[in-house]
């Protein structure tokens, strides 16, 4: 018996929206709590259905505007992967095209259509396991049952992508804005490397990353002592992006 051909699967656009919390000094991810089945009341990545008159890139930009009211250029997002497991959605055959978006600001959140809540979750680790945390809500990314659909897998794929590119194309540093200090960069790296910031030596870090960080001045600060130097990513480190 020949297998059934899937003529028209649903195509969803999922977006891992990254930002940086300057109070906790940690990267963070935007999650929404689903209002409807399946996975009602589960935390999930923001997602939308692809419309007939738009590309996946256009849907990614629209999703950010609809969910958090921020309009961004195409260069602020990058496509991660396509997820096609037949069992990722129980009732329908649905494919997910996943993106990552790097926001240099932390906009106020308001739950949009299909969500009861929207929150920023700090991205860190505990006992060498990656976690997402908002106050007393802790989501272990090693567990497949805590997030809706296959969103654990999508986030873990993003973590691997970012970690593998840290030493030559660290696009994740866009969450710090156009300029950053070496300490801020080390704070971002530490989360993905599952290290404390003190385990990343500042002098060695500057030396090993001198080809991808460009010094642009010094930070203005009210604190006593020498102000920290400011850096930006070399233009070759961010594809299709003007530094």
C-alpha atoms as a PDB file:
ATOM      1  CA  UNK A   1       0.000   0.000   0.000  1.00  0.00           C
ATOM      2  CA  UNK A   2       1.380   3.383  -0.979  1.00  0.00           C
ATOM      3  CA  UNK A   3       1.714   5.933   1.771  1.00  0.00           C
ATOM      4  CA  UNK A   4      -0.615   8.908   1.839  1.00  0.00           C
ATOM      5  CA  UNK A   5       0.797  12.070   0.341  1.00  0.00           C
ATOM      6  CA  UNK A   6       0.442  15.201   2.464  1.00  0.00           C
ATOM      7  CA  UNK A   7      -0.793  17.751  -0.051  1.00  0.00           C
ATOM      8  CA  UNK A   8      -1.298  20.777   2.156  1.00  0.00           C
ATOM      9  CA  UNK A   9       0.357  20.693   5.569  1.00  0.00           C
ATOM     10  CA  UNK A  10      -0.035  23.636   7.890  1.00  0.00           C
ATOM     11  CA  UNK A  11       3.039  25.869   7.922  1.00  0.00           C
ATOM     12  CA  UNK A  12       3.749  27.735  11.138  1.00  0.00           C
ATOM     13  CA  UNK A  13       6.404  30.335  11.823  1.00  0.00           C
ATOM     14  CA  UNK A  14       7.982  30.035  15.275  1.00  0.00           C
ATOM     15  CA  UNK A  15      10.238  32.760  16.597  1.00  0.00           C
ATOM     16  CA  UNK A  16      12.832  32.609  19.355  1.00  0.00           C
ATOM     17  CA  UNK A  17      12.967  36.258  20.396  1.00  0.00           C
ATOM     18  CA  UNK A  18      16.138  36.989  22.351  1.00  0.00           C
ATOM     19  CA  UNK A  19      16.871  40.067  24.447  1.00  0.00           C
ATOM     20  CA  UNK A  20      19.153  40.976  27.362  1.00  0.00           C
ATOM     21  CA  UNK A  21      18.162  41.764  30.934  1.00  0.00           C
ATOM     22  CA  UNK A  22      20.554  44.415  32.251  1.00  0.00           C
ATOM     23  CA  UNK A  23      19.344  43.837  35.826  1.00  0.00           C
ATOM     24  CA  UNK A  24      20.029  40.105  35.923  1.00  0.00           C
ATOM     25  CA  UNK A  25      22.872  40.326  33.357  1.00  0.00           C
ATOM     26  CA  UNK A  26      21.395  37.378  31.483  1.00  0.00           C
ATOM     27  CA  UNK A  27      20.062  36.743  27.978  1.00  0.00           C
ATOM     28  CA  UNK A  28      16.347  36.067  27.884  1.00  0.00           C
ATOM     29  CA  UNK A  29      13.694  34.518  25.669  1.00  0.00           C
ATOM     30  CA  UNK A  30      10.099  35.611  25.136  1.00  0.00           C
ATOM     31  CA  UNK A  31       7.472  32.957  25.898  1.00  0.00           C
ATOM     32  CA  UNK A  32       3.686  33.117  25.767  1.00  0.00           C
ATOM     33  CA  UNK A  33       1.140  31.032  27.661  1.00  0.00           C
ATOM     34  CA  UNK A  34      -1.251  29.421  25.210  1.00  0.00           C
ATOM     35  CA  UNK A  35      -4.945  30.259  25.599  1.00  0.00           C
ATOM     36  CA  UNK A  36      -6.292  27.383  23.492  1.00  0.00           C
ATOM     37  CA  UNK A  37      -5.846  23.684  22.880  1.00  0.00           C
ATOM     38  CA  UNK A  38      -3.673  21.907  22.080  1.00  0.00           C
ATOM     39  CA  UNK A  39      -1.299  22.597  24.974  1.00  0.00           C
ATOM     40  CA  UNK A  40      -3.641  25.059  26.632  1.00  0.00           C
ATOM     41  CA  UNK A  41      -1.885  26.868  29.532  1.00  0.00           C
ATOM     42  CA  UNK A  42       1.517  25.606  28.411  1.00  0.00           C
ATOM     43  CA  UNK A  43       4.353  28.023  27.781  1.00  0.00           C
ATOM     44  CA  UNK A  44       5.395  28.240  24.152  1.00  0.00           C
ATOM     45  CA  UNK A  45       7.337  30.247  21.626  1.00  0.00           C
ATOM     46  CA  UNK A  46       5.401  32.934  19.764  1.00  0.00           C
ATOM     47  CA  UNK A  47       4.177  31.520  16.463  1.00  0.00           C
ATOM     48  CA  UNK A  48       1.829  32.278  13.615  1.00  0.00           C
ATOM     49  CA  UNK A  49       0.420  30.540  10.551  1.00  0.00           C
ATOM     50  CA  UNK A  50       1.989  31.430   7.228  1.00  0.00           C
ATOM     51  CA  UNK A  51      -0.413  33.417   5.055  1.00  0.00           C
ATOM     52  CA  UNK A  52      -0.867  32.832   1.342  1.00  0.00           C
ATOM     53  CA  UNK A  53       0.445  36.264   0.342  1.00  0.00           C
ATOM     54  CA  UNK A  54       3.647  36.401   2.408  1.00  0.00           C
ATOM     55  CA  UNK A  55       7.060  34.817   2.590  1.00  0.00           C
ATOM     56  CA  UNK A  56       8.331  33.115   5.722  1.00  0.00           C
ATOM     57  CA  UNK A  57      10.572  36.129   6.375  1.00  0.00           C
ATOM     58  CA  UNK A  58       7.584  38.483   6.111  1.00  0.00           C
ATOM     59  CA  UNK A  59       5.595  36.290   8.513  1.00  0.00           C
ATOM     60  CA  UNK A  60       8.485  36.387  10.995  1.00  0.00           C
ATOM     61  CA  UNK A  61       8.470  40.206  10.984  1.00  0.00           C
ATOM     62  CA  UNK A  62       4.664  40.340  11.230  1.00  0.00           C
ATOM     63  CA  UNK A  63       4.713  37.933  14.162  1.00  0.00           C
ATOM     64  CA  UNK A  64       6.984  40.240  16.155  1.00  0.00           C
ATOM     65  CA  UNK A  65       4.837  43.263  15.351  1.00  0.00           C
ATOM     66  CA  UNK A  66       1.620  41.443  16.291  1.00  0.00           C
ATOM     67  CA  UNK A  67       2.945  39.900  19.506  1.00  0.00           C
ATOM     68  CA  UNK A  68       5.002  42.712  21.024  1.00  0.00           C
ATOM     69  CA  UNK A  69       4.334  45.745  18.828  1.00  0.00           C
ATOM     70  CA  UNK A  70       7.914  46.076  17.569  1.00  0.00           C
ATOM     71  CA  UNK A  71       8.732  46.632  13.909  1.00  0.00           C
ATOM     72  CA  UNK A  72      12.186  45.337  13.009  1.00  0.00           C
ATOM     73  CA  UNK A  73      14.225  45.067   9.793  1.00  0.00           C
ATOM     74  CA  UNK A  74      14.698  41.681   8.142  1.00  0.00           C
ATOM     75  CA  UNK A  75      18.378  41.788   9.137  1.00  0.00           C
ATOM     76  CA  UNK A  76      17.492  41.461  12.840  1.00  0.00           C
ATOM     77  CA  UNK A  77      16.253  37.890  12.336  1.00  0.00           C
ATOM     78  CA  UNK A  78      17.848  34.759  10.953  1.00  0.00           C
ATOM     79  CA  UNK A  79      16.249  31.507   9.909  1.00  0.00           C
ATOM     80  CA  UNK A  80      17.157  28.652  12.216  1.00  0.00           C
ATOM     81  CA  UNK A  81      15.727  25.410  10.807  1.00  0.00           C
ATOM     82  CA  UNK A  82      12.588  23.662   9.605  1.00  0.00           C
ATOM     83  CA  UNK A  83      10.977  21.111  11.924  1.00  0.00           C
ATOM     84  CA  UNK A  84       8.962  18.362  10.256  1.00  0.00           C
ATOM     85  CA  UNK A  85       8.416  15.552  12.767  1.00  0.00           C
ATOM     86  CA  UNK A  86       5.040  13.964  11.839  1.00  0.00           C
ATOM     87  CA  UNK A  87       4.070  13.858  15.525  1.00  0.00           C
ATOM     88  CA  UNK A  88       4.989  17.428  16.477  1.00  0.00           C
ATOM     89  CA  UNK A  89       1.274  18.340  16.292  1.00  0.00           C
ATOM     90  CA  UNK A  90      -1.242  15.647  17.239  1.00  0.00           C
ATOM     91  CA  UNK A  91      -4.294  16.549  15.167  1.00  0.00           C
ATOM     92  CA  UNK A  92      -2.732  18.027  12.018  1.00  0.00           C
ATOM     93  CA  UNK A  93       0.363  17.658   9.897  1.00  0.00           C
ATOM     94  CA  UNK A  94       2.155  20.919  10.590  1.00  0.00           C
ATOM     95  CA  UNK A  95       5.632  22.067   9.670  1.00  0.00           C
ATOM     96  CA  UNK A  96       7.426  24.789  11.638  1.00  0.00           C
ATOM     97  CA  UNK A  97       9.930  27.201  10.141  1.00  0.00           C
ATOM     98  CA  UNK A  98      11.848  28.594  13.096  1.00  0.00           C
ATOM     99  CA  UNK A  99      13.604  31.945  13.300  1.00  0.00           C
ATOM    100  CA  UNK A 100      15.752  33.709  15.846  1.00  0.00           C
ATOM    101  CA  UNK A 101      15.337  37.430  16.451  1.00  0.00           C
ATOM    102  CA  UNK A 102      17.801  39.561  18.420  1.00  0.00           C
ATOM    103  CA  UNK A 103      16.250  42.587  20.125  1.00  0.00           C
ATOM    104  CA  UNK A 104      18.580  45.239  21.606  1.00  0.00           C
ATOM    105  CA  UNK A 105      15.723  46.479  23.793  1.00  0.00           C
ATOM    106  CA  UNK A 106      13.354  44.815  26.230  1.00  0.00           C
ATOM    107  CA  UNK A 107       9.901  46.115  25.231  1.00  0.00           C
ATOM    108  CA  UNK A 108       6.911  45.868  27.529  1.00  0.00           C
ATOM    109  CA  UNK A 109       4.874  42.777  26.784  1.00  0.00           C
ATOM    110  CA  UNK A 110       1.157  42.385  26.262  1.00  0.00           C
ATOM    111  CA  UNK A 111      -0.383  39.019  25.503  1.00  0.00           C
ATOM    112  CA  UNK A 112      -1.758  38.995  21.964  1.00  0.00           C
ATOM    113  CA  UNK A 113      -4.269  36.767  20.205  1.00  0.00           C
ATOM    114  CA  UNK A 114      -4.089  33.151  21.363  1.00  0.00           C
ATOM    115  CA  UNK A 115      -2.172  33.923  24.557  1.00  0.00           C
ATOM    116  CA  UNK A 116      -3.135  34.662  28.149  1.00  0.00           C
ATOM    117  CA  UNK A 117       0.333  35.819  29.224  1.00  0.00           C
ATOM    118  CA  UNK A 118       3.629  36.929  27.714  1.00  0.00           C
ATOM    119  CA  UNK A 119       6.817  36.984  29.765  1.00  0.00           C
ATOM    120  CA  UNK A 120      10.577  37.294  29.425  1.00  0.00           C
ATOM    121  CA  UNK A 121      12.398  34.239  30.783  1.00  0.00           C
ATOM    122  CA  UNK A 122      16.043  34.517  31.802  1.00  0.00           C
ATOM    123  CA  UNK A 123      18.279  32.022  30.007  1.00  0.00           C
ATOM    124  CA  UNK A 124      20.875  30.425  32.268  1.00  0.00           C
ATOM    125  CA  UNK A 125      21.915  27.044  33.638  1.00  0.00           C
ATOM    126  CA  UNK A 126      21.661  25.028  36.810  1.00  0.00           C
ATOM    127  CA  UNK A 127      23.787  21.971  37.482  1.00  0.00           C
ATOM    128  CA  UNK A 128      25.035  22.229  33.884  1.00  0.00           C
ATOM    129  CA  UNK A 129      21.486  22.054  32.501  1.00  0.00           C
ATOM    130  CA  UNK A 130      19.996  24.945  30.551  1.00  0.00           C
ATOM    131  CA  UNK A 131      16.930  26.532  32.125  1.00  0.00           C
ATOM    132  CA  UNK A 132      14.481  29.353  31.478  1.00  0.00           C
ATOM    133  CA  UNK A 133      13.309  31.220  34.571  1.00  0.00           C
ATOM    134  CA  UNK A 134      10.806  33.953  35.398  1.00  0.00           C
ATOM    135  CA  UNK A 135      10.526  34.468  39.170  1.00  0.00           C
ATOM    136  CA  UNK A 136       9.355  31.116  40.561  1.00  0.00           C
ATOM    137  CA  UNK A 137       8.654  29.559  37.140  1.00  0.00           C
ATOM    138  CA  UNK A 138      11.585  27.379  36.106  1.00  0.00           C
ATOM    139  CA  UNK A 139      11.553  25.468  32.816  1.00  0.00           C
ATOM    140  CA  UNK A 140      14.208  22.799  32.364  1.00  0.00           C
ATOM    141  CA  UNK A 141      15.136  22.688  28.689  1.00  0.00           C
ATOM    142  CA  UNK A 142      16.267  19.070  29.063  1.00  0.00           C
ATOM    143  CA  UNK A 143      12.666  18.044  29.687  1.00  0.00           C
ATOM    144  CA  UNK A 144      10.421  17.584  26.652  1.00  0.00           C
ATOM    145  CA  UNK A 145       7.122  17.991  28.503  1.00  0.00           C
ATOM    146  CA  UNK A 146       7.318  21.558  29.801  1.00  0.00           C
ATOM    147  CA  UNK A 147       6.860  23.543  26.598  1.00  0.00           C
ATOM    148  CA  UNK A 148       4.204  23.170  23.928  1.00  0.00           C
ATOM    149  CA  UNK A 149       4.735  21.082  20.805  1.00  0.00           C
ATOM    150  CA  UNK A 150       8.454  20.573  20.039  1.00  0.00           C
ATOM    151  CA  UNK A 151       9.491  24.005  21.262  1.00  0.00           C
ATOM    152  CA  UNK A 152      12.073  22.500  23.625  1.00  0.00           C
ATOM    153  CA  UNK A 153      13.771  21.002  20.593  1.00  0.00           C
ATOM    154  CA  UNK A 154      13.576  24.285  18.682  1.00  0.00           C
ATOM    155  CA  UNK A 155      15.170  26.246  21.538  1.00  0.00           C
ATOM    156  CA  UNK A 156      17.876  23.625  22.053  1.00  0.00           C
ATOM    157  CA  UNK A 157      18.652  23.753  18.326  1.00  0.00           C
ATOM    158  CA  UNK A 158      19.013  27.538  18.658  1.00  0.00           C
ATOM    159  CA  UNK A 159      21.347  27.149  21.634  1.00  0.00           C
ATOM    160  CA  UNK A 160      23.602  24.801  19.672  1.00  0.00           C
ATOM    161  CA  UNK A 161      23.623  27.152  16.667  1.00  0.00           C
ATOM    162  CA  UNK A 162      24.548  30.167  18.794  1.00  0.00           C
ATOM    163  CA  UNK A 163      27.159  28.288  20.833  1.00  0.00           C
ATOM    164  CA  UNK A 164      28.868  26.924  17.720  1.00  0.00           C
ATOM    165  CA  UNK A 165      29.146  30.438  16.245  1.00  0.00           C
ATOM    166  CA  UNK A 166      30.361  32.304  19.330  1.00  0.00           C
ATOM    167  CA  UNK A 167      33.983  32.468  18.202  1.00  0.00           C
ATOM    168  CA  UNK A 168      33.446  33.617  14.617  1.00  0.00           C
ATOM    169  CA  UNK A 169      29.928  35.024  14.081  1.00  0.00           C
ATOM    170  CA  UNK A 170      28.280  35.837  17.452  1.00  0.00           C
ATOM    171  CA  UNK A 171      25.044  37.330  16.127  1.00  0.00           C
ATOM    172  CA  UNK A 172      23.558  36.829  19.597  1.00  0.00           C
ATOM    173  CA  UNK A 173      25.501  39.909  20.761  1.00  0.00           C
ATOM    174  CA  UNK A 174      23.037  42.073  18.849  1.00  0.00           C
ATOM    175  CA  UNK A 175      20.875  41.823  21.972  1.00  0.00           C
ATOM    176  CA  UNK A 176      23.372  44.168  23.661  1.00  0.00           C
ATOM    177  CA  UNK A 177      22.760  46.943  21.146  1.00  0.00           C
ATOM    178  CA  UNK A 178      25.160  48.520  18.640  1.00  0.00           C
ATOM    179  CA  UNK A 179      27.983  48.759  21.199  1.00  0.00           C
ATOM    180  CA  UNK A 180      28.891  46.790  24.309  1.00  0.00           C
ATOM    181  CA  UNK A 181      31.604  46.292  26.899  1.00  0.00           C
ATOM    182  CA  UNK A 182      33.718  43.161  27.059  1.00  0.00           C
ATOM    183  CA  UNK A 183      32.088  42.313  30.376  1.00  0.00           C
ATOM    184  CA  UNK A 184      28.636  42.395  28.793  1.00  0.00           C
ATOM    185  CA  UNK A 185      29.853  40.147  25.976  1.00  0.00           C
ATOM    186  CA  UNK A 186      31.333  37.752  28.527  1.00  0.00           C
ATOM    187  CA  UNK A 187      28.006  37.704  30.396  1.00  0.00           C
ATOM    188  CA  UNK A 188      26.265  36.529  27.223  1.00  0.00           C
ATOM    189  CA  UNK A 189      28.958  33.969  26.429  1.00  0.00           C
ATOM    190  CA  UNK A 190      28.906  32.624  29.983  1.00  0.00           C
ATOM    191  CA  UNK A 191      25.267  31.547  29.749  1.00  0.00           C
ATOM    192  CA  UNK A 192      25.826  29.541  26.566  1.00  0.00           C
ATOM    193  CA  UNK A 193      29.108  28.053  27.773  1.00  0.00           C
ATOM    194  CA  UNK A 194      27.537  27.164  31.152  1.00  0.00           C
ATOM    195  CA  UNK A 195      30.241  29.036  33.021  1.00  0.00           C
ATOM    196  CA  UNK A 196      30.394  31.774  35.613  1.00  0.00           C
ATOM    197  CA  UNK A 197      31.622  35.046  34.142  1.00  0.00           C
ATOM    198  CA  UNK A 198      34.757  34.903  36.315  1.00  0.00           C
ATOM    199  CA  UNK A 199      35.727  31.692  34.514  1.00  0.00           C
ATOM    200  CA  UNK A 200      36.115  33.682  31.275  1.00  0.00           C
ATOM    201  CA  UNK A 201      39.328  35.698  31.629  1.00  0.00           C
ATOM    202  CA  UNK A 202      38.890  39.227  30.286  1.00  0.00           C
ATOM    203  CA  UNK A 203      42.382  39.564  28.796  1.00  0.00           C
ATOM    204  CA  UNK A 204      42.272  36.203  27.019  1.00  0.00           C
ATOM    205  CA  UNK A 205      38.732  36.894  25.851  1.00  0.00           C
ATOM    206  CA  UNK A 206      39.803  40.193  24.274  1.00  0.00           C
ATOM    207  CA  UNK A 207      42.826  38.557  22.638  1.00  0.00           C
ATOM    208  CA  UNK A 208      40.973  35.592  21.149  1.00  0.00           C
ATOM    209  CA  UNK A 209      38.122  37.756  19.840  1.00  0.00           C
ATOM    210  CA  UNK A 210      40.138  40.708  18.522  1.00  0.00           C
ATOM    211  CA  UNK A 211      39.190  39.893  14.904  1.00  0.00           C
ATOM    212  CA  UNK A 212      35.455  40.025  15.549  1.00  0.00           C
ATOM    213  CA  UNK A 213      35.255  42.878  18.095  1.00  0.00           C
ATOM    214  CA  UNK A 214      36.173  46.415  17.057  1.00  0.00           C
ATOM    215  CA  UNK A 215      36.974  49.035  19.702  1.00  0.00           C
ATOM    216  CA  UNK A 216      34.917  52.219  19.199  1.00  0.00           C
ATOM    217  CA  UNK A 217      35.414  54.321  22.353  1.00  0.00           C
ATOM    218  CA  UNK A 218      34.704  54.321  26.060  1.00  0.00           C
ATOM    219  CA  UNK A 219      31.478  54.038  28.002  1.00  0.00           C
ATOM    220  CA  UNK A 220      30.114  57.021  29.890  1.00  0.00           C
ATOM    221  CA  UNK A 221      29.775  56.141  33.547  1.00  0.00           C
ATOM    222  CA  UNK A 222      29.249  57.915  36.875  1.00  0.00           C
ATOM    223  CA  UNK A 223      31.344  55.381  38.736  1.00  0.00           C
ATOM    224  CA  UNK A 224      34.894  56.187  39.810  1.00  0.00           C
ATOM    225  CA  UNK A 225      37.828  54.612  38.052  1.00  0.00           C
ATOM    226  CA  UNK A 226      38.696  54.074  34.425  1.00  0.00           C
ATOM    227  CA  UNK A 227      35.578  53.774  32.220  1.00  0.00           C
ATOM    228  CA  UNK A 228      35.267  50.503  30.305  1.00  0.00           C
ATOM    229  CA  UNK A 229      36.008  50.412  26.592  1.00  0.00           C
ATOM    230  CA  UNK A 230      33.194  50.005  24.099  1.00  0.00           C
ATOM    231  CA  UNK A 231      33.230  47.548  21.224  1.00  0.00           C
ATOM    232  CA  UNK A 232      31.044  46.604  18.297  1.00  0.00           C
ATOM    233  CA  UNK A 233      30.885  43.538  16.125  1.00  0.00           C
ATOM    234  CA  UNK A 234      32.934  43.579  12.952  1.00  0.00           C
ATOM    235  CA  UNK A 235      30.695  43.904   9.927  1.00  0.00           C
ATOM    236  CA  UNK A 236      31.714  40.451   8.703  1.00  0.00           C
ATOM    237  CA  UNK A 237      30.244  38.941  11.877  1.00  0.00           C
ATOM    238  CA  UNK A 238      26.633  39.818  11.068  1.00  0.00           C
ATOM    239  CA  UNK A 239      25.375  38.751   7.645  1.00  0.00           C
ATOM    240  CA  UNK A 240      23.239  41.355   5.849  1.00  0.00           C
ATOM    241  CA  UNK A 241      23.470  43.711   8.804  1.00  0.00           C
ATOM    242  CA  UNK A 242      24.970  47.180   9.028  1.00  0.00           C
ATOM    243  CA  UNK A 243      26.876  47.620  12.282  1.00  0.00           C
END
